[in-house]
Amino acid sequence: MPLQLLSFIRQGVVRRLGSQANAAFSASGLVEFSGFAHPPHDPQQLGLYHFPDFITPDEEAGLLRELDRPLQRSRYDSYHWDNAITNYREMHRTRWSPSNTVTLQRLRDLPLLKPFQLSPTAHVLDVDAEGEILPHVDSTQYVGRVVVGLSLMSSSVMQFQRQDGATVRVLLHPRSLYIMSGSIRYDFTHAVLRGEQPWQGGSVRKGRRISILVREEAPSLDGT
């Protein structure tokens, strides 16, 4: 059966919850808007896309089998060159097993990504349960117009925030894929915070989370 790719706002429907007058939620329950004078009808207007269950549990297990051993060779680090990440370890990977190559090629073949020159190298980021990705905007010196992230292992809340306070929060379950481009990539910081994060009357606790990130390469200084 072909994998069905679902937008996390189905048919652009947004509903308001009476007990949270300042927030708007997607019909699917995976995204929250706050601080907007008029919340977007569809996060794609901001350049944000989300595909729940982009890969299967078996595909996730295959990726983790390939990644866990090399990741375990290094310790978690509390220092990051731009102070954007804590308690993390990372590696860059170009070659994958045949089965994982097929899985990740499905990401690269998404029609949404055809206009972009994606790097052949994937950035694998392993953040432990007490670590976090602090609010930041990816440097245009190193990253082009799009960032694609595949989430593994743990659910988490990803938060995007603009200087005027407009905020988008997305519930990222394991095996989900997100794409950030356009306004959400340049005008909003993004973060994945540690510990328990409130979510629609409950909470989500981030555990150890591995993400596979594919980015467009930044233009070279000569414009190529």
Protein backbone atom coordinates (compact mmCIF):
# COMPACT_ATOMS: atom_id res chain seq x y z
CA MET A 1 0.00 0.00 0.00
CA PRO A 2 1.54 3.37 -0.94
CA LEU A 3 2.30 5.68 1.96
CA GLN A 4 -0.31 8.39 2.29
CA LEU A 5 1.25 11.77 2.93
CA LEU A 6 -1.01 13.85 5.14
CA SER A 7 -0.85 17.60 5.72
CA PHE A 8 -1.18 18.27 9.41
CA ILE A 9 -3.94 20.76 8.70
CA ARG A 10 -6.55 18.84 6.80
CA GLN A 11 -8.51 20.91 4.30
CA GLY A 12 -7.18 24.06 5.97
CA VAL A 13 -9.64 23.77 8.87
CA VAL A 14 -8.73 25.55 12.11
CA ARG A 15 -10.93 25.32 15.20
CA ARG A 16 -10.89 27.54 18.28
CA LEU A 17 -11.18 26.05 21.74
CA GLY A 18 -13.39 28.06 24.07
CA SER A 19 -11.13 27.56 27.07
CA GLN A 20 -8.09 28.92 25.19
CA ALA A 21 -9.33 32.06 23.50
CA ASN A 22 -5.87 33.22 22.44
CA ALA A 23 -4.92 30.01 20.65
CA ALA A 24 -6.09 28.30 17.49
CA PHE A 25 -5.61 24.60 16.87
CA SER A 26 -5.55 22.49 13.75
CA ALA A 27 -8.37 20.03 13.21
CA SER A 28 -5.82 17.21 13.40
CA GLY A 29 -4.58 18.41 16.81
CA LEU A 30 -0.94 18.57 15.74
CA VAL A 31 -0.41 22.31 15.45
CA GLU A 32 -1.21 25.35 17.59
CA PHE A 33 -1.15 29.04 16.67
CA SER A 34 -0.97 31.89 19.19
CA GLY A 35 -0.12 35.58 19.09
CA PHE A 36 -1.45 36.08 15.55
CA ALA A 37 -4.00 38.80 14.89
CA HIS A 38 -5.45 36.38 12.34
CA PRO A 39 -4.10 32.80 12.56
CA PRO A 40 -3.22 31.30 9.19
CA HIS A 41 -5.82 29.00 7.70
CA ASP A 42 -3.00 26.69 6.66
CA PRO A 43 0.61 26.61 7.98
CA GLN A 44 1.73 26.08 4.42
CA GLN A 45 1.10 29.82 4.03
CA LEU A 46 4.14 30.24 6.28
CA GLY A 47 6.19 27.63 4.43
CA LEU A 48 5.64 24.89 7.04
CA TYR A 49 4.66 21.37 6.03
CA HIS A 50 4.23 18.23 8.10
CA PHE A 51 3.79 14.56 7.22
CA PRO A 52 2.75 12.31 10.14
CA ASP A 53 3.93 8.70 9.88
CA PHE A 54 6.13 9.46 6.90
CA ILE A 55 8.00 6.23 7.58
CA THR A 56 6.82 2.95 9.09
CA PRO A 57 7.88 1.53 12.49
CA ASP A 58 10.01 -1.05 10.67
CA GLU A 59 11.74 1.70 8.68
CA GLU A 60 12.38 3.68 11.85
CA ALA A 61 13.88 0.57 13.49
CA GLY A 62 16.14 0.08 10.47
CA LEU A 63 17.43 3.63 10.66
CA LEU A 64 18.05 3.36 14.41
CA ARG A 65 19.96 0.09 14.00
CA GLU A 66 22.30 1.81 11.57
CA LEU A 67 22.71 4.99 13.60
CA ASP A 68 22.84 3.93 17.23
CA ARG A 69 26.22 2.16 17.28
CA PRO A 70 28.24 4.98 15.65
CA LEU A 71 26.46 7.55 17.81
CA GLN A 72 27.33 5.60 20.96
CA ARG A 73 31.03 6.05 20.17
CA SER A 74 30.87 9.69 21.26
CA ARG A 75 29.66 11.40 24.41
CA TYR A 76 26.91 13.95 24.64
CA ASP A 77 28.32 17.46 24.44
CA SER A 78 27.01 20.49 26.32
CA TYR A 79 28.78 23.01 24.05
CA HIS A 80 27.66 24.01 20.56
CA TRP A 81 29.48 26.54 18.37
CA ASP A 82 26.45 28.89 18.21
CA ASN A 83 24.96 27.91 21.60
CA ALA A 84 21.89 26.50 19.88
CA ILE A 85 21.94 22.92 21.25
CA THR A 86 22.67 21.31 24.62
CA ASN A 87 23.37 17.67 25.55
CA TYR A 88 23.77 16.47 22.01
CA ARG A 89 25.98 14.44 19.73
CA GLU A 90 25.96 14.45 15.97
CA MET A 91 27.39 12.99 12.82
CA HIS A 92 27.11 13.53 9.09
CA ARG A 93 26.24 10.67 6.81
CA THR A 94 26.20 10.29 3.05
CA ARG A 95 26.16 6.50 2.65
CA TRP A 96 23.38 4.32 4.02
CA SER A 97 22.43 0.67 3.88
CA PRO A 98 20.39 -0.28 0.81
CA SER A 99 17.09 -0.40 2.70
CA ASN A 100 17.68 2.92 4.47
CA THR A 101 18.78 4.49 1.19
CA VAL A 102 15.35 3.62 -0.22
CA THR A 103 13.62 5.09 2.85
CA LEU A 104 15.51 8.39 2.69
CA GLN A 105 15.23 8.67 -1.07
CA ARG A 106 11.47 8.87 -0.59
CA LEU A 107 12.10 12.07 1.37
CA ARG A 108 14.28 13.53 -1.37
CA ASP A 109 11.73 12.63 -4.05
CA LEU A 110 8.93 14.71 -2.53
CA PRO A 111 7.59 17.09 -5.21
CA LEU A 112 7.76 19.95 -2.69
CA LEU A 113 11.54 19.62 -2.62
CA LYS A 114 12.21 19.55 -6.36
CA PRO A 115 13.04 23.30 -6.57
CA PHE A 116 15.80 22.96 -3.97
CA GLN A 117 19.39 21.79 -4.25
CA LEU A 118 19.49 19.40 -1.30
CA SER A 119 22.82 18.47 0.19
CA PRO A 120 23.76 14.82 -0.43
CA THR A 121 24.86 14.66 3.21
CA ALA A 122 22.39 14.15 6.05
CA HIS A 123 23.02 15.69 9.47
CA VAL A 124 22.13 13.24 12.25
CA LEU A 125 21.40 14.96 15.55
CA ASP A 126 21.00 12.98 18.78
CA VAL A 127 19.71 15.05 21.73
CA ASP A 128 19.29 13.27 25.05
CA ALA A 129 16.27 13.57 27.31
CA GLU A 130 17.74 16.54 29.19
CA GLY A 131 19.01 18.30 26.08
CA GLU A 132 17.25 20.84 23.92
CA ILE A 133 17.46 22.84 20.73
CA LEU A 134 17.27 26.48 21.78
CA PRO A 135 15.49 29.17 19.72
CA HIS A 136 17.54 30.12 16.68
CA VAL A 137 17.40 30.76 12.94
CA ASP A 138 19.75 28.65 10.83
CA SER A 139 22.61 30.73 9.47
CA THR A 140 22.27 31.63 5.79
CA GLN A 141 26.04 31.20 5.59
CA TYR A 142 25.61 27.44 5.91
CA VAL A 143 21.97 26.64 5.12
CA GLY A 144 19.90 27.43 2.05
CA ARG A 145 16.17 27.95 1.62
CA VAL A 146 14.81 24.73 3.09
CA VAL A 147 15.34 22.41 6.06
CA VAL A 148 13.79 18.93 6.21
CA GLY A 149 13.66 16.95 9.45
CA LEU A 150 12.73 13.33 10.12
CA SER A 151 11.97 12.67 13.81
CA LEU A 152 12.86 9.37 15.49
CA MET A 153 12.39 7.82 18.96
CA SER A 154 10.59 10.47 21.00
CA SER A 155 7.63 12.81 20.67
CA SER A 156 8.42 16.48 21.17
CA VAL A 157 6.98 19.94 20.71
CA MET A 158 8.67 22.15 18.13
CA GLN A 159 8.11 25.87 18.59
CA PHE A 160 8.46 28.62 16.01
CA GLN A 161 8.32 32.24 17.18
CA ARG A 162 8.43 35.58 15.38
CA GLN A 163 9.72 38.81 16.92
CA ASP A 164 6.17 40.14 17.31
CA GLY A 165 5.26 37.13 19.47
CA ALA A 166 3.39 35.17 16.80
CA THR A 167 3.99 31.52 17.66
CA VAL A 168 3.44 28.18 15.94
CA ARG A 169 3.84 24.98 17.96
CA VAL A 170 3.87 21.57 16.29
CA LEU A 171 3.55 18.18 17.97
CA LEU A 172 6.20 15.99 16.35
CA HIS A 173 5.63 12.30 16.85
CA PRO A 174 8.29 9.72 15.98
CA ARG A 175 8.42 8.90 12.26
CA SER A 176 6.98 12.29 11.27
CA LEU A 177 8.60 14.60 8.73
CA TYR A 178 8.57 18.39 8.68
CA ILE A 179 9.67 20.88 6.04
CA MET A 180 10.46 24.51 6.87
CA SER A 181 10.91 27.06 4.12
CA GLY A 182 9.84 30.60 3.31
CA SER A 183 8.70 32.75 6.22
CA ILE A 184 8.88 29.99 8.84
CA ARG A 185 12.51 29.38 7.93
CA TYR A 186 13.68 33.03 7.90
CA ASP A 187 11.25 35.06 10.06
CA PHE A 188 10.72 32.65 12.98
CA THR A 189 13.16 31.10 15.41
CA HIS A 190 12.69 27.36 15.90
CA ALA A 191 13.29 25.29 19.02
CA VAL A 192 12.68 21.87 20.57
CA LEU A 193 12.67 22.45 24.32
CA ARG A 194 13.47 19.90 27.01
CA GLY A 195 11.26 18.48 29.72
CA GLU A 196 7.48 18.61 29.76
CA GLN A 197 5.81 21.03 27.39
CA PRO A 198 2.12 21.95 27.76
CA TRP A 199 -0.07 20.66 24.99
CA GLN A 200 -3.82 21.26 24.73
CA GLY A 201 -4.62 20.72 28.39
CA GLY A 202 -1.99 18.01 28.89
CA SER A 203 1.74 17.79 28.38
CA VAL A 204 4.37 16.13 26.21
CA ARG A 205 7.69 15.03 27.70
CA LYS A 206 10.60 14.85 25.32
CA GLY A 207 12.88 11.87 25.74
CA ARG A 208 16.00 11.05 23.75
CA ARG A 209 15.31 12.21 20.22
CA ILE A 210 17.22 11.56 17.03
CA SER A 211 16.53 13.65 13.95
CA ILE A 212 17.82 13.21 10.42
CA LEU A 213 18.17 16.63 8.82
CA VAL A 214 18.59 17.37 5.14
CA ARG A 215 19.17 20.97 4.10
CA GLU A 216 19.58 22.91 0.93
CA GLU A 217 23.18 23.91 0.53
CA ALA A 218 23.85 27.61 1.00
CA PRO A 219 24.83 29.52 -2.15
CA SER A 220 28.55 30.00 -2.56
CA LEU A 221 30.04 33.45 -2.30
CA ASP A 222 30.15 33.78 -6.10
CA GLY A 223 26.38 33.22 -6.26
CA THR A 224 26.45 29.68 -7.64
